[in-house]
Protein backbone atom coordinates (compact mmCIF):
# COMPACT_ATOMS: atom_id res chain seq x y z
CA MET A 1 -12.71 38.08 11.57
CA TYR A 2 -10.65 34.89 11.41
CA ASN A 3 -12.76 31.81 12.06
CA LYS A 4 -11.11 30.04 15.02
CA ASN A 5 -13.48 27.12 14.55
CA LEU A 6 -12.43 26.67 10.93
CA ASN A 7 -13.77 23.53 9.35
CA THR A 8 -10.89 22.15 7.34
CA VAL A 9 -13.12 19.48 5.79
CA LYS A 10 -14.59 21.04 2.68
CA ASN A 11 -17.34 19.62 0.51
CA GLU A 12 -15.31 19.12 -2.64
CA GLY A 13 -16.64 21.24 -5.48
CA LYS A 14 -19.12 23.20 -3.34
CA ILE A 15 -19.54 26.79 -4.49
CA CYS A 16 -21.18 29.26 -2.15
CA TYR A 17 -22.69 32.61 -3.15
CA VAL A 18 -23.88 34.98 -0.43
CA GLY A 19 -25.69 38.15 -1.43
CA ALA A 20 -28.81 39.62 -2.91
CA LEU A 21 -30.00 37.85 -6.03
CA ILE A 22 -30.10 41.06 -8.05
CA LYS A 23 -28.89 42.15 -11.47
CA ARG A 24 -25.68 43.99 -10.52
CA LYS A 25 -24.44 41.01 -8.51
CA TYR A 26 -24.86 38.57 -11.43
CA PRO A 27 -25.79 35.48 -9.40
CA GLU A 28 -27.10 33.74 -12.52
CA LYS A 29 -23.68 34.13 -14.19
CA VAL A 30 -22.16 31.87 -11.52
CA LEU A 31 -24.61 29.14 -12.53
CA GLU A 32 -24.06 29.74 -16.25
CA ALA A 33 -20.28 29.48 -15.79
CA ALA A 34 -20.61 26.24 -13.86
CA ILE A 35 -23.13 24.40 -16.08
CA SER A 36 -20.63 22.05 -17.77
CA PHE A 37 -19.02 21.23 -14.41
CA LEU A 38 -22.40 20.66 -12.77
CA LYS A 39 -23.40 18.28 -15.56
CA LYS A 40 -20.22 16.26 -14.94
CA GLY A 41 -20.96 16.18 -11.21
CA ASN A 42 -17.79 18.16 -10.36
CA LEU A 43 -19.53 21.08 -8.63
CA SER A 44 -22.57 22.11 -6.64
CA ILE A 45 -23.82 25.63 -5.93
CA THR A 46 -25.44 26.98 -2.77
CA TYR A 47 -27.07 30.41 -3.04
CA ILE A 48 -27.73 32.34 0.14
CA GLY A 49 -29.89 35.42 -0.28
CA ASP A 50 -33.17 36.55 -1.76
CA GLY A 51 -34.03 38.52 -4.85
CA ALA A 52 -35.77 38.74 -8.19
CA LEU A 53 -33.20 36.57 -9.99
CA SER A 54 -34.04 33.42 -8.02
CA LYS A 55 -36.69 32.58 -10.65
CA LYS A 56 -34.17 33.07 -13.46
CA ILE A 57 -31.66 30.83 -11.66
CA ASN A 58 -34.31 28.12 -11.34
CA ARG A 59 -35.21 28.44 -15.05
CA ILE A 60 -31.54 28.14 -16.11
CA ALA A 61 -31.12 25.09 -13.87
CA LYS A 62 -34.28 23.42 -15.19
CA ARG A 63 -33.38 24.13 -18.83
CA ASN A 64 -29.95 22.54 -18.25
CA HIS A 65 -31.24 19.57 -16.22
CA ILE A 66 -29.44 20.61 -13.03
CA ASP A 67 -31.10 18.86 -10.09
CA GLU A 68 -31.66 19.73 -6.42
CA LYS A 69 -28.56 17.80 -5.35
CA GLN A 70 -26.40 20.27 -7.24
CA LEU A 71 -28.29 23.55 -6.78
CA HIS A 72 -29.52 24.88 -3.45
CA LEU A 73 -31.34 28.19 -3.05
CA LEU A 74 -31.46 28.71 0.71
CA GLY A 75 -32.90 32.23 0.73
CA HIS A 76 -32.20 34.36 3.78
CA ILE A 77 -30.64 32.36 6.63
CA SER A 78 -29.11 33.25 9.99
CA ARG A 79 -25.57 34.61 10.24
CA LYS A 80 -24.54 31.44 12.08
CA ASP A 81 -25.92 29.30 9.26
CA VAL A 82 -24.11 31.45 6.67
CA GLN A 83 -20.84 30.81 8.50
CA GLU A 84 -21.58 27.08 8.54
CA GLU A 85 -22.21 27.08 4.78
CA LEU A 86 -18.99 29.01 4.16
CA SER A 87 -17.03 26.66 6.41
CA THR A 88 -18.01 23.65 4.29
CA SER A 89 -17.60 25.36 0.91
CA GLU A 90 -14.56 24.88 -1.25
CA TYR A 91 -15.27 28.03 -3.27
CA PHE A 92 -16.92 31.40 -2.75
CA ILE A 93 -17.88 33.27 -5.90
CA MET A 94 -19.47 36.69 -6.30
CA ILE A 95 -18.52 38.61 -9.44
CA SER A 96 -20.66 41.69 -8.93
CA ARG A 97 -20.36 45.21 -10.29
CA HIS A 98 -20.37 48.45 -8.29
CA GLU A 99 -19.18 46.80 -5.08
CA THR A 100 -17.53 48.76 -2.33
CA PHE A 101 -15.88 46.65 0.34
CA GLY A 102 -17.79 43.37 0.63
CA MET A 103 -17.30 41.87 4.07
CA VAL A 104 -18.65 38.54 2.85
CA TYR A 105 -15.52 38.06 0.72
CA LEU A 106 -13.38 38.42 3.81
CA GLU A 107 -15.62 36.04 5.74
CA ALA A 108 -15.26 33.48 2.94
CA MET A 109 -11.49 33.86 2.98
CA ALA A 110 -11.45 33.50 6.77
CA ASN A 111 -13.33 30.23 6.31
CA GLY A 112 -10.68 28.95 3.90
CA CYS A 113 -12.75 29.26 0.72
CA ILE A 114 -11.04 29.76 -2.60
CA THR A 115 -12.56 33.15 -3.27
CA ILE A 116 -13.35 34.66 -6.66
CA ALA A 117 -14.23 38.35 -6.82
CA SER A 118 -14.54 40.95 -9.58
CA LYS A 119 -11.61 42.78 -11.13
CA ASN A 120 -11.61 46.54 -10.57
CA GLU A 121 -14.29 46.39 -7.89
CA GLY A 122 -14.32 46.79 -4.10
CA PHE A 123 -12.31 43.69 -3.21
CA ASP A 124 -9.68 44.00 -5.93
CA GLY A 125 -6.51 44.86 -4.04
CA ILE A 126 -7.30 42.59 -1.11
CA ILE A 127 -7.36 39.55 -3.36
CA LYS A 128 -4.11 39.01 -5.20
CA ASP A 129 -5.05 36.98 -8.28
CA GLY A 130 -3.65 33.47 -8.01
CA VAL A 131 -2.11 34.12 -4.59
CA ASN A 132 -4.96 34.31 -2.04
CA GLY A 133 -7.92 34.08 -4.41
CA PHE A 134 -8.84 34.93 -7.96
CA LEU A 135 -10.26 37.84 -9.93
CA CYS A 136 -12.70 37.70 -12.82
CA ASP A 137 -14.44 40.25 -15.04
CA ALA A 138 -17.69 41.33 -13.36
CA GLY A 139 -20.66 39.44 -14.75
CA ASN A 140 -18.61 37.57 -17.34
CA SER A 141 -19.68 33.92 -17.27
CA ALA A 142 -17.19 32.88 -20.00
CA ASP A 143 -14.27 34.39 -18.05
CA LEU A 144 -15.52 32.71 -14.87
CA SER A 145 -15.94 29.35 -16.61
CA ASN A 146 -12.35 29.50 -17.89
CA LEU A 147 -11.15 30.44 -14.42
CA LEU A 148 -13.06 27.54 -12.84
CA LYS A 149 -11.52 25.15 -15.37
CA LYS A 150 -8.06 26.43 -14.43
CA ILE A 151 -8.69 26.17 -10.67
CA ILE A 152 -10.28 22.73 -10.82
CA SER A 153 -7.29 21.40 -12.76
CA MET A 154 -4.78 22.82 -10.26
CA PRO A 155 -2.96 20.33 -8.02
CA ASN A 156 -4.49 20.11 -4.53
CA ASN A 157 -1.31 21.42 -2.88
CA GLU A 158 -1.56 24.65 -4.96
CA LYS A 159 -5.22 25.09 -4.02
CA GLU A 160 -4.33 24.49 -0.36
CA LYS A 161 -1.63 27.17 -0.54
CA ILE A 162 -4.15 29.68 -1.93
CA ARG A 163 -6.63 28.69 0.79
CA MET A 164 -3.98 29.21 3.53
CA ASN A 165 -2.96 32.57 1.99
CA ALA A 166 -6.64 33.60 2.07
CA ILE A 167 -6.86 32.72 5.76
CA SER A 168 -3.67 34.70 6.47
CA THR A 169 -5.07 37.70 4.60
CA ALA A 170 -8.28 37.55 6.65
CA LYS A 171 -6.27 37.37 9.90
CA GLU A 172 -4.39 40.54 8.94
CA MET A 173 -7.54 42.53 8.26
CA THR A 174 -8.15 44.45 11.47
CA GLU A 175 -11.25 46.59 11.92
CA ARG A 176 -9.12 49.70 11.42
CA LYS A 177 -7.67 48.45 8.13
CA MET A 178 -11.12 47.47 6.91
CA ALA A 179 -12.55 50.88 7.87
CA GLU A 180 -9.70 52.67 6.09
CA LYS A 181 -10.21 50.56 2.96
CA TYR A 182 -13.96 51.14 3.02
CA LEU A 183 -13.56 54.92 3.44
CA SER A 184 -10.97 54.99 0.67
CA ASP A 185 -13.38 53.18 -1.66
CA VAL A 186 -16.23 55.56 -0.76
CA ILE A 187 -14.05 58.62 -1.33
CA ASP A 188 -12.83 57.21 -4.66
CA ASN A 189 -16.45 56.76 -5.77
CA ILE A 190 -17.62 60.26 -4.81
CA LYS A 191 -18.13 62.36 -7.92
CA LEU A 192 -17.24 65.99 -7.28
């Protein structure tokens, strides 16, 4: 799982989202949360994945005068290309609801991304808020915007420590541990 070819040179302010562009994953909320930062030129967002919300994302971007230099909708790309995008991203954000164990979060952490996931969802428990990543209310753009403001204002050495803790967490996640976590999540979600 750990990326031995880790690119330590990150595109400053690059956010990556990898997943279906569907309602329960709230991809548009990432854009909404980042609007003020995008307008200042502090961030860019790369979306990887297809789905019905791509049109909504484009409408939000157009309405807010966000240009193609700051917003990239790549659609479905190869696994190798996903890893390349993650390796150059400073942040990975997916604040979805009804997640089980999302492997993409772990891949982002292995690539040294500052990872933001949803509280009380499938990756809560792996991410320790403020230690190896951050947690946000699912689908809450205001909460995410406040969190981004906090992270962006953090000293670089603190962000680097979180990034290194994320990499360490990814290294520790063996296939067995991941399988146990996934099964635990599935069992917890079974309604008897």
